[in-house]
Amino acid sequence: MRSITTIQLQYAHRFYGFRGEAQYLHGHSGVLTIEVEDSVNPGVNMAFPCNEIQKTAWDVLKNFDHALILREDDPLLPAILDVYEKQGIRNGHPQNTMKGEAFKTELATAYPDCRLVVTKETMTVEGMIKIVYDLLKDKLNIAKITFTSGVNAASQEYEVTKSMDRCPLCGIALNEEGVCPKCGYKKR
């Protein structure tokens, strides 16, 4: 069975080297849908709590919200960083409170202090799905990710081959020690 949740993201980007309107810096409202698959956990009667899917995903994905997403070879990148430096916001600002932990993967690097994500490939809806799966595949049993941004949409299904050891009281994944990080339940 699947538990499904959505997350809304506001971001700006451009398609560097693209011919057409998308080569210009522009913004989007995107909706990310994450489907998590597992057996229905007796006691809590769900595959996975949707609010916990949101919390787990949001810890990483808030780096994309109200952020600028540029490809690593985009000539705008050094110019943006120069402007941020001159404004005194490149290394953060006290009002920049909605930021996640910095991350660096093969596909993307997040610089939360300056609300910037640098990607290896052009940020398309397909590209966002690849990045999100890469960031969350070890935290959730992802069966499907859909990303819609404006009139653009893409979807990717994944084979779920494992079952997560979850708390019988609240349904979330137990940590490496077999303890529920939410309610403290300990597996015997």
Protein backbone atom coordinates (compact mmCIF):
# COMPACT_ATOMS: atom_id res chain seq x y z
CA MET A 1 0.00 0.00 0.00
CA ARG A 2 1.12 3.60 -0.51
CA SER A 3 0.98 6.76 1.56
CA ILE A 4 1.09 9.90 -0.57
CA THR A 5 1.95 13.48 0.31
CA THR A 6 2.63 16.71 -1.56
CA ILE A 7 5.04 19.57 -0.97
CA GLN A 8 4.86 22.98 -2.62
CA LEU A 9 8.04 24.75 -3.73
CA GLN A 10 8.61 28.28 -5.04
CA TYR A 11 11.88 28.72 -6.91
CA ALA A 12 13.65 30.59 -9.70
CA HIS A 13 15.85 29.12 -12.41
CA ARG A 14 16.70 29.29 -16.08
CA PHE A 15 17.77 26.89 -18.80
CA TYR A 16 21.29 28.05 -19.60
CA GLY A 17 22.10 27.44 -23.27
CA PHE A 18 18.45 26.75 -24.14
CA ARG A 19 16.79 28.49 -27.08
CA GLY A 20 13.42 29.83 -26.10
CA GLU A 21 11.71 31.62 -23.21
CA ALA A 22 13.20 29.37 -20.53
CA GLN A 23 16.70 30.79 -21.16
CA TYR A 24 15.62 33.85 -19.16
CA LEU A 25 15.64 33.85 -15.37
CA HIS A 26 12.08 33.11 -14.24
CA GLY A 27 10.15 31.67 -11.29
CA HIS A 28 7.84 28.72 -10.72
CA SER A 29 5.40 27.29 -8.24
CA GLY A 30 6.02 23.57 -8.14
CA VAL A 31 4.22 20.67 -6.50
CA LEU A 32 6.21 17.60 -5.56
CA THR A 33 4.22 14.41 -4.87
CA ILE A 34 5.98 11.60 -3.04
CA GLU A 35 4.48 8.12 -2.79
CA VAL A 36 5.92 5.84 -0.11
CA GLU A 37 5.20 2.11 -0.20
CA ASP A 38 5.26 -0.42 2.60
CA SER A 39 3.01 -2.92 4.32
CA VAL A 40 0.18 -1.49 6.40
CA ASN A 41 1.54 -1.34 9.92
CA PRO A 42 -0.82 -3.00 12.45
CA GLY A 43 -1.73 -0.66 15.26
CA VAL A 44 -1.42 2.56 13.26
CA ASN A 45 -3.14 1.16 10.12
CA MET A 46 -1.06 3.02 7.53
CA ALA A 47 1.87 2.39 5.23
CA PHE A 48 3.68 5.49 6.51
CA PRO A 49 2.39 8.66 8.23
CA CYS A 50 2.04 11.38 5.57
CA ASN A 51 3.08 14.10 8.01
CA GLU A 52 6.31 12.17 8.64
CA ILE A 53 6.94 11.85 4.89
CA GLN A 54 6.56 15.64 4.70
CA LYS A 55 8.90 16.26 7.64
CA THR A 56 11.57 13.92 6.30
CA ALA A 57 11.38 15.36 2.80
CA TRP A 58 11.07 19.00 3.92
CA ASP A 59 14.27 18.78 6.00
CA VAL A 60 16.13 18.51 2.67
CA LEU A 61 13.73 20.14 0.21
CA LYS A 62 13.34 23.44 2.01
CA ASN A 63 16.71 24.26 0.42
CA PHE A 64 14.82 24.47 -2.91
CA ASP A 65 12.00 26.70 -1.62
CA HIS A 66 12.43 30.41 -2.37
CA ALA A 67 15.81 29.53 -3.81
CA LEU A 68 17.66 30.23 -7.01
CA ILE A 69 18.59 27.05 -8.86
CA LEU A 70 21.37 27.39 -11.43
CA ARG A 71 23.49 24.95 -13.39
CA GLU A 72 27.14 24.86 -12.28
CA ASP A 73 28.41 26.25 -15.60
CA ASP A 74 25.88 29.11 -15.81
CA PRO A 75 27.74 32.46 -16.12
CA LEU A 76 25.05 34.05 -13.93
CA LEU A 77 26.33 32.06 -10.94
CA PRO A 78 29.48 34.12 -10.21
CA ALA A 79 27.57 37.35 -10.87
CA ILE A 80 24.83 36.36 -8.39
CA LEU A 81 27.40 35.40 -5.75
CA ASP A 82 29.20 38.72 -6.30
CA VAL A 83 25.96 40.66 -5.77
CA TYR A 84 25.17 38.61 -2.65
CA GLU A 85 28.68 39.34 -1.34
CA LYS A 86 28.24 43.09 -1.90
CA GLN A 87 24.87 42.98 -0.16
CA GLY A 88 26.34 41.09 2.78
CA ILE A 89 23.99 38.11 2.35
CA ARG A 90 26.24 35.52 0.71
CA ASN A 91 26.99 33.88 4.05
CA GLY A 92 23.49 34.27 5.39
CA HIS A 93 21.28 36.85 7.00
CA PRO A 94 19.36 36.71 10.31
CA GLN A 95 16.06 36.73 8.38
CA ASN A 96 17.09 33.68 6.36
CA THR A 97 15.56 31.19 8.78
CA MET A 98 13.84 28.66 6.51
CA LYS A 99 16.91 26.77 5.41
CA GLY A 100 17.86 23.14 5.49
CA GLU A 101 21.17 21.44 6.04
CA ALA A 102 23.71 22.01 3.29
CA PHE A 103 24.18 19.00 1.05
CA LYS A 104 26.46 17.96 -1.78
CA THR A 105 25.63 15.06 -4.08
CA GLU A 106 26.70 14.08 -7.56
CA LEU A 107 23.65 15.92 -8.94
CA ALA A 108 23.36 19.06 -6.80
CA THR A 109 24.88 21.18 -4.04
CA ALA A 110 22.80 23.29 -1.66
CA TYR A 111 24.11 26.55 -0.23
CA PRO A 112 21.32 27.34 2.24
CA ASP A 113 22.92 30.51 3.62
CA CYS A 114 22.47 32.22 0.25
CA ARG A 115 19.29 30.37 -0.86
CA LEU A 116 21.09 28.79 -3.79
CA VAL A 117 21.16 25.28 -5.27
CA VAL A 118 23.76 24.52 -7.92
CA THR A 119 22.97 21.59 -10.20
CA LYS A 120 25.03 19.52 -12.58
CA GLU A 121 22.23 19.43 -15.17
CA THR A 122 19.58 21.94 -16.20
CA MET A 123 16.81 22.03 -13.59
CA THR A 124 13.83 20.51 -15.38
CA VAL A 125 10.93 18.68 -13.74
CA GLU A 126 12.75 15.45 -14.64
CA GLY A 127 15.95 16.81 -13.10
CA MET A 128 14.14 17.70 -9.87
CA ILE A 129 12.80 14.15 -9.60
CA LYS A 130 16.30 12.69 -10.00
CA ILE A 131 17.70 15.00 -7.30
CA VAL A 132 14.83 14.38 -4.86
CA TYR A 133 15.08 10.61 -5.24
CA ASP A 134 18.84 10.73 -4.73
CA LEU A 135 18.40 12.76 -1.52
CA LEU A 136 15.56 10.69 -0.03
CA LYS A 137 16.04 7.11 -1.28
CA ASP A 138 17.73 5.97 1.94
CA LYS A 139 15.18 7.69 4.20
CA LEU A 140 11.88 6.62 2.65
CA ASN A 141 10.60 3.64 0.61
CA ILE A 142 9.84 5.80 -2.41
CA ALA A 143 7.59 4.12 -4.98
CA LYS A 144 6.89 7.15 -7.13
CA ILE A 145 7.77 10.84 -7.43
CA THR A 146 5.82 13.34 -9.52
CA PHE A 147 6.85 16.95 -9.98
CA THR A 148 4.61 19.54 -11.57
CA SER A 149 5.87 23.05 -12.27
CA GLY A 150 3.67 25.37 -14.27
CA VAL A 151 2.49 23.43 -17.34
CA ASN A 152 5.42 21.00 -17.03
CA ALA A 153 5.13 17.65 -15.27
CA ALA A 154 7.11 14.44 -14.98
CA SER A 155 6.79 11.25 -12.99
CA GLN A 156 9.09 8.34 -12.16
CA GLU A 157 8.24 5.04 -10.49
CA TYR A 158 10.76 3.05 -8.45
CA GLU A 159 10.85 -0.57 -7.35
CA VAL A 160 10.56 -0.87 -3.59
CA THR A 161 12.56 -3.90 -2.49
CA LYS A 162 12.70 -3.50 1.26
CA SER A 163 10.41 -2.91 4.18
CA MET A 164 11.37 -0.37 6.81
CA ASP A 165 11.37 -1.35 10.46
CA ARG A 166 8.70 0.98 11.85
CA CYS A 167 7.25 1.90 15.21
CA PRO A 168 3.99 0.04 16.01
CA LEU A 169 2.76 3.07 17.99
CA CYS A 170 3.24 5.92 15.50
CA GLY A 171 4.35 4.28 12.23
CA ILE A 172 7.63 6.09 11.59
CA ALA A 173 10.95 4.44 10.86
CA LEU A 174 13.01 3.22 13.80
CA ASN A 175 16.61 4.43 14.02
CA GLU A 176 19.67 2.17 13.82
CA GLU A 177 19.28 1.25 17.51
CA GLY A 178 15.65 0.16 17.01
CA VAL A 179 14.27 3.22 18.81
CA CYS A 180 11.48 5.45 17.54
CA PRO A 181 12.82 9.02 17.32
CA LYS A 182 9.29 10.40 17.79
CA CYS A 183 7.78 8.50 20.74
CA GLY A 184 10.75 6.59 22.21
CA TYR A 185 9.40 3.08 21.57
CA LYS A 186 12.19 0.46 21.73
CA LYS A 187 12.13 -2.69 19.65
CA ARG A 188 12.79 -5.80 21.70
